[in-house]
């Protein structure tokens, strides 16, 4: 579905730079908090846009774990493409009008 308000993948600003293959013993993928565009918005339960090079995805923050080198952010990847979430947001907005 294409709408006038849908943006191209390259137009998304990632909330968190990320390596999709970086899984640890918890079973979650992770990255460092200092890779966030705005670290204050990286809190447990937050849904964020992730970028690994040219690839983007949506994820939910599971927890933040202090470590010797910084703070580890565990993330659960959410199903579907970023534009699927954009389409859902647009549908929700149209019903609010």
N, C-alpha and C. Protein backbone atom coordinates (compact mmCIF):
# COMPACT_ATOMS: atom_id res chain seq x y z
N UNK A 1 0.84 -1.17 0.00
CA UNK A 1 0.00 0.00 0.00
C UNK A 1 0.89 1.24 0.00
N UNK A 2 0.66 2.14 -0.89
CA UNK A 2 1.43 3.37 -0.96
C UNK A 2 0.50 4.54 -0.68
N UNK A 3 0.92 5.40 0.24
CA UNK A 3 0.14 6.60 0.52
C UNK A 3 1.04 7.80 0.31
N UNK A 4 0.43 8.95 0.28
CA UNK A 4 1.18 10.17 0.07
C UNK A 4 2.14 10.42 1.23
N UNK A 5 1.81 9.95 2.44
CA UNK A 5 2.62 10.23 3.62
C UNK A 5 3.69 9.17 3.88
N UNK A 6 3.71 8.08 3.14
CA UNK A 6 4.69 7.03 3.35
C UNK A 6 6.05 7.51 2.86
N UNK A 7 7.10 7.26 3.65
CA UNK A 7 8.44 7.69 3.27
C UNK A 7 9.26 6.50 2.81
N UNK A 8 10.28 6.78 2.04
CA UNK A 8 11.18 5.74 1.58
C UNK A 8 12.07 5.27 2.72
N UNK A 9 12.58 4.04 2.64
CA UNK A 9 13.42 3.49 3.70
C UNK A 9 14.60 4.41 3.99
N UNK A 10 15.22 4.95 2.97
CA UNK A 10 16.37 5.82 3.17
C UNK A 10 16.03 7.09 3.93
N UNK A 11 14.74 7.43 4.04
CA UNK A 11 14.32 8.64 4.74
C UNK A 11 14.17 8.43 6.25
N UNK A 12 14.16 7.20 6.71
CA UNK A 12 14.01 6.94 8.14
C UNK A 12 15.27 7.30 8.88
N UNK A 13 15.12 7.97 10.00
CA UNK A 13 16.24 8.23 10.89
C UNK A 13 16.25 7.13 11.92
N UNK A 14 17.33 6.40 11.99
CA UNK A 14 17.42 5.30 12.95
C UNK A 14 17.54 5.85 14.36
N UNK A 15 16.83 5.21 15.28
CA UNK A 15 16.97 5.55 16.69
C UNK A 15 18.23 4.91 17.26
N UNK A 16 18.61 3.77 16.65
CA UNK A 16 19.72 3.00 17.21
C UNK A 16 20.48 2.30 16.09
N UNK A 17 21.79 2.55 16.00
CA UNK A 17 22.65 1.82 15.07
C UNK A 17 22.88 0.44 15.67
N UNK A 18 22.89 -0.58 14.83
CA UNK A 18 22.67 -1.92 15.33
C UNK A 18 23.30 -2.96 14.42
N UNK A 19 23.70 -4.10 14.98
CA UNK A 19 24.18 -5.24 14.21
C UNK A 19 23.16 -6.36 14.41
N UNK A 20 22.37 -6.66 13.39
CA UNK A 20 21.27 -7.64 13.52
C UNK A 20 21.74 -9.03 13.93
N UNK A 21 23.00 -9.35 13.73
CA UNK A 21 23.50 -10.68 14.07
C UNK A 21 24.18 -10.76 15.43
N UNK A 22 24.13 -9.69 16.20
CA UNK A 22 24.87 -9.61 17.46
C UNK A 22 24.01 -10.13 18.62
N UNK A 23 23.95 -11.45 18.79
CA UNK A 23 23.14 -12.07 19.85
C UNK A 23 24.05 -12.55 20.98
N UNK A 24 23.57 -12.40 22.22
CA UNK A 24 24.37 -12.89 23.35
C UNK A 24 23.67 -14.04 24.06
N UNK A 25 24.19 -14.42 25.22
CA UNK A 25 23.67 -15.57 25.95
C UNK A 25 22.22 -15.40 26.42
N UNK A 26 21.70 -14.18 26.42
CA UNK A 26 20.30 -13.96 26.80
C UNK A 26 19.34 -14.41 25.71
N UNK A 27 19.85 -14.57 24.48
CA UNK A 27 19.00 -14.89 23.35
C UNK A 27 18.51 -13.65 22.62
N UNK A 28 18.80 -12.47 23.16
CA UNK A 28 18.43 -11.21 22.51
C UNK A 28 19.64 -10.66 21.76
N UNK A 29 19.34 -9.87 20.76
CA UNK A 29 20.40 -9.13 20.09
C UNK A 29 20.69 -7.89 20.93
N UNK A 30 21.87 -7.32 20.74
CA UNK A 30 22.25 -6.19 21.58
C UNK A 30 23.15 -5.22 20.83
N UNK A 31 23.25 -4.03 21.41
CA UNK A 31 24.17 -3.00 20.95
C UNK A 31 24.52 -2.13 22.15
N UNK A 32 25.37 -1.14 21.94
CA UNK A 32 25.75 -0.21 23.00
C UNK A 32 24.83 1.00 23.01
N UNK A 33 24.51 1.49 24.19
CA UNK A 33 23.65 2.66 24.32
C UNK A 33 24.23 3.89 23.62
N UNK A 34 25.54 4.02 23.57
CA UNK A 34 26.13 5.19 22.93
C UNK A 34 25.95 5.20 21.41
N UNK A 35 25.35 4.16 20.85
CA UNK A 35 25.04 4.12 19.42
C UNK A 35 23.63 4.65 19.12
N UNK A 36 22.96 5.15 20.16
CA UNK A 36 21.60 5.70 20.01
C UNK A 36 21.65 7.15 19.56
N UNK A 37 20.71 7.53 18.72
CA UNK A 37 20.58 8.93 18.29
C UNK A 37 20.26 9.80 19.50
N UNK A 38 19.35 9.33 20.38
CA UNK A 38 18.97 10.03 21.60
C UNK A 38 18.89 9.00 22.72
N UNK A 39 19.96 8.83 23.49
CA UNK A 39 19.97 7.80 24.53
C UNK A 39 18.82 7.90 25.53
N UNK A 40 18.28 9.09 25.75
CA UNK A 40 17.18 9.25 26.71
C UNK A 40 15.92 8.50 26.30
N UNK A 41 15.74 8.25 24.99
CA UNK A 41 14.54 7.55 24.54
C UNK A 41 14.70 6.03 24.52
N UNK A 42 15.89 5.54 24.84
CA UNK A 42 16.16 4.11 24.85
C UNK A 42 15.88 3.60 26.26
N UNK A 43 14.64 3.19 26.47
CA UNK A 43 14.18 2.70 27.78
C UNK A 43 13.42 1.39 27.56
N UNK A 44 13.39 0.51 28.57
CA UNK A 44 12.65 -0.75 28.41
C UNK A 44 11.21 -0.51 27.95
N UNK A 45 10.80 -1.26 26.95
CA UNK A 45 9.46 -1.17 26.39
C UNK A 45 9.34 -0.26 25.18
N UNK A 46 10.32 0.63 24.98
CA UNK A 46 10.26 1.56 23.84
C UNK A 46 10.38 0.78 22.53
N UNK A 47 9.62 1.22 21.52
CA UNK A 47 9.71 0.67 20.17
C UNK A 47 10.54 1.66 19.36
N UNK A 48 11.59 1.15 18.72
CA UNK A 48 12.56 2.01 18.04
C UNK A 48 12.84 1.51 16.63
N UNK A 49 13.38 2.41 15.81
CA UNK A 49 13.84 2.07 14.48
C UNK A 49 15.32 1.74 14.56
N UNK A 50 15.69 0.59 13.98
CA UNK A 50 17.06 0.10 14.01
C UNK A 50 17.67 0.18 12.62
N UNK A 51 18.97 0.43 12.55
CA UNK A 51 19.66 0.44 11.26
C UNK A 51 20.96 -0.34 11.38
N UNK A 52 21.13 -1.26 10.42
CA UNK A 52 22.38 -2.00 10.27
C UNK A 52 22.84 -1.75 8.84
N UNK A 53 23.72 -0.76 8.65
CA UNK A 53 24.12 -0.38 7.30
C UNK A 53 22.94 0.20 6.56
N UNK A 54 22.54 -0.44 5.44
CA UNK A 54 21.40 0.02 4.66
C UNK A 54 20.09 -0.64 5.09
N UNK A 55 20.16 -1.63 5.97
CA UNK A 55 18.97 -2.36 6.41
C UNK A 55 18.34 -1.69 7.62
N UNK A 56 17.02 -1.66 7.64
CA UNK A 56 16.29 -1.11 8.77
C UNK A 56 15.28 -2.12 9.28
N UNK A 57 14.93 -1.98 10.54
CA UNK A 57 13.94 -2.85 11.17
C UNK A 57 13.38 -2.12 12.38
N UNK A 58 12.34 -2.68 12.93
CA UNK A 58 11.76 -2.17 14.17
C UNK A 58 12.15 -3.12 15.29
N UNK A 59 12.32 -2.59 16.48
CA UNK A 59 12.66 -3.41 17.63
C UNK A 59 12.07 -2.82 18.89
N UNK A 60 12.00 -3.66 19.91
CA UNK A 60 11.52 -3.20 21.22
C UNK A 60 12.66 -3.37 22.22
N UNK A 61 12.91 -2.33 23.01
CA UNK A 61 13.96 -2.38 24.01
C UNK A 61 13.53 -3.30 25.15
N UNK A 62 14.38 -4.28 25.46
CA UNK A 62 14.11 -5.22 26.54
C UNK A 62 14.67 -4.72 27.86
N UNK A 63 15.95 -4.39 27.87
CA UNK A 63 16.57 -3.88 29.09
C UNK A 63 17.88 -3.17 28.76
N UNK A 64 18.41 -2.50 29.76
CA UNK A 64 19.72 -1.86 29.67
C UNK A 64 20.57 -2.45 30.79
N UNK A 65 21.78 -2.88 30.44
CA UNK A 65 22.64 -3.55 31.40
C UNK A 65 23.98 -2.82 31.48
N UNK A 66 24.32 -2.29 32.66
CA UNK A 66 25.62 -1.64 32.81
C UNK A 66 26.74 -2.67 32.59
N UNK A 67 27.78 -2.26 31.89
CA UNK A 67 28.95 -3.11 31.64
C UNK A 67 30.20 -2.25 31.78
N UNK A 68 31.34 -2.88 31.83
CA UNK A 68 32.60 -2.15 32.01
C UNK A 68 32.84 -1.14 30.89
N UNK A 69 32.42 -1.46 29.66
CA UNK A 69 32.68 -0.60 28.50
C UNK A 69 31.56 0.37 28.17
N UNK A 70 30.47 0.36 28.93
CA UNK A 70 29.32 1.21 28.65
C UNK A 70 28.04 0.50 29.06
N UNK A 71 26.94 0.85 28.42
CA UNK A 71 25.66 0.23 28.73
C UNK A 71 25.20 -0.61 27.54
N UNK A 72 24.89 -1.86 27.82
CA UNK A 72 24.38 -2.78 26.79
C UNK A 72 22.88 -2.61 26.69
N UNK A 73 22.38 -2.54 25.46
CA UNK A 73 20.94 -2.46 25.19
C UNK A 73 20.51 -3.76 24.54
N UNK A 74 19.64 -4.52 25.21
CA UNK A 74 19.07 -5.73 24.61
C UNK A 74 17.80 -5.35 23.86
N UNK A 75 17.68 -5.90 22.65
CA UNK A 75 16.57 -5.54 21.77
C UNK A 75 15.91 -6.81 21.24
N UNK A 76 14.59 -6.80 21.18
CA UNK A 76 13.85 -7.86 20.50
C UNK A 76 13.42 -7.32 19.14
N UNK A 77 13.87 -7.96 18.08
CA UNK A 77 13.46 -7.53 16.74
C UNK A 77 11.97 -7.80 16.58
N UNK A 78 11.26 -6.85 16.00
CA UNK A 78 9.83 -7.00 15.75
C UNK A 78 9.62 -7.47 14.32
N UNK A 79 8.57 -8.24 14.09
CA UNK A 79 8.33 -8.77 12.74
C UNK A 79 7.92 -7.69 11.76
N UNK A 80 8.18 -7.94 10.50
CA UNK A 80 7.75 -7.03 9.44
C UNK A 80 8.77 -5.96 9.15
N UNK A 81 8.48 -5.20 8.13
CA UNK A 81 9.36 -4.13 7.67
C UNK A 81 8.93 -2.80 8.31
N UNK A 82 9.86 -1.86 8.34
CA UNK A 82 9.57 -0.54 8.90
C UNK A 82 8.34 0.07 8.24
N UNK A 83 8.25 -0.07 6.91
CA UNK A 83 7.11 0.55 6.22
C UNK A 83 5.77 -0.10 6.60
N UNK A 84 5.78 -1.34 7.10
CA UNK A 84 4.55 -1.95 7.60
C UNK A 84 4.02 -1.18 8.80
N UNK A 85 4.92 -0.72 9.64
CA UNK A 85 4.53 0.04 10.82
C UNK A 85 4.03 1.42 10.42
N UNK A 86 4.67 2.02 9.42
CA UNK A 86 4.22 3.31 8.91
C UNK A 86 2.80 3.20 8.38
N UNK A 87 2.53 2.14 7.63
CA UNK A 87 1.19 1.94 7.09
C UNK A 87 0.17 1.77 8.21
N UNK A 88 0.53 1.06 9.28
CA UNK A 88 -0.39 0.87 10.42
C UNK A 88 -0.65 2.21 11.12
N UNK A 89 0.37 3.03 11.25
CA UNK A 89 0.20 4.34 11.88
C UNK A 89 -0.73 5.21 11.04
N UNK A 90 -0.54 5.19 9.72
CA UNK A 90 -1.41 5.97 8.84
C UNK A 90 -2.87 5.48 8.93
N UNK A 91 -3.08 4.18 9.00
CA UNK A 91 -4.44 3.66 9.15
C UNK A 91 -5.05 4.12 10.45
N UNK A 92 -4.27 4.12 11.53
CA UNK A 92 -4.77 4.55 12.84
C UNK A 92 -5.12 6.02 12.80
N UNK A 93 -4.30 6.83 12.16
CA UNK A 93 -4.57 8.27 12.06
C UNK A 93 -5.85 8.53 11.29
N UNK A 94 -6.08 7.78 10.21
CA UNK A 94 -7.26 8.04 9.38
C UNK A 94 -8.55 7.70 10.14
N UNK A 95 -8.49 6.79 11.10
CA UNK A 95 -9.68 6.46 11.87
C UNK A 95 -9.92 7.47 12.98
N UNK A 96 -8.90 8.20 13.37
CA UNK A 96 -9.04 9.23 14.41
C UNK A 96 -9.67 10.49 13.85
N UNK A 97 -9.58 10.67 12.54
CA UNK A 97 -10.09 11.91 11.93
C UNK A 97 -11.61 11.96 11.92
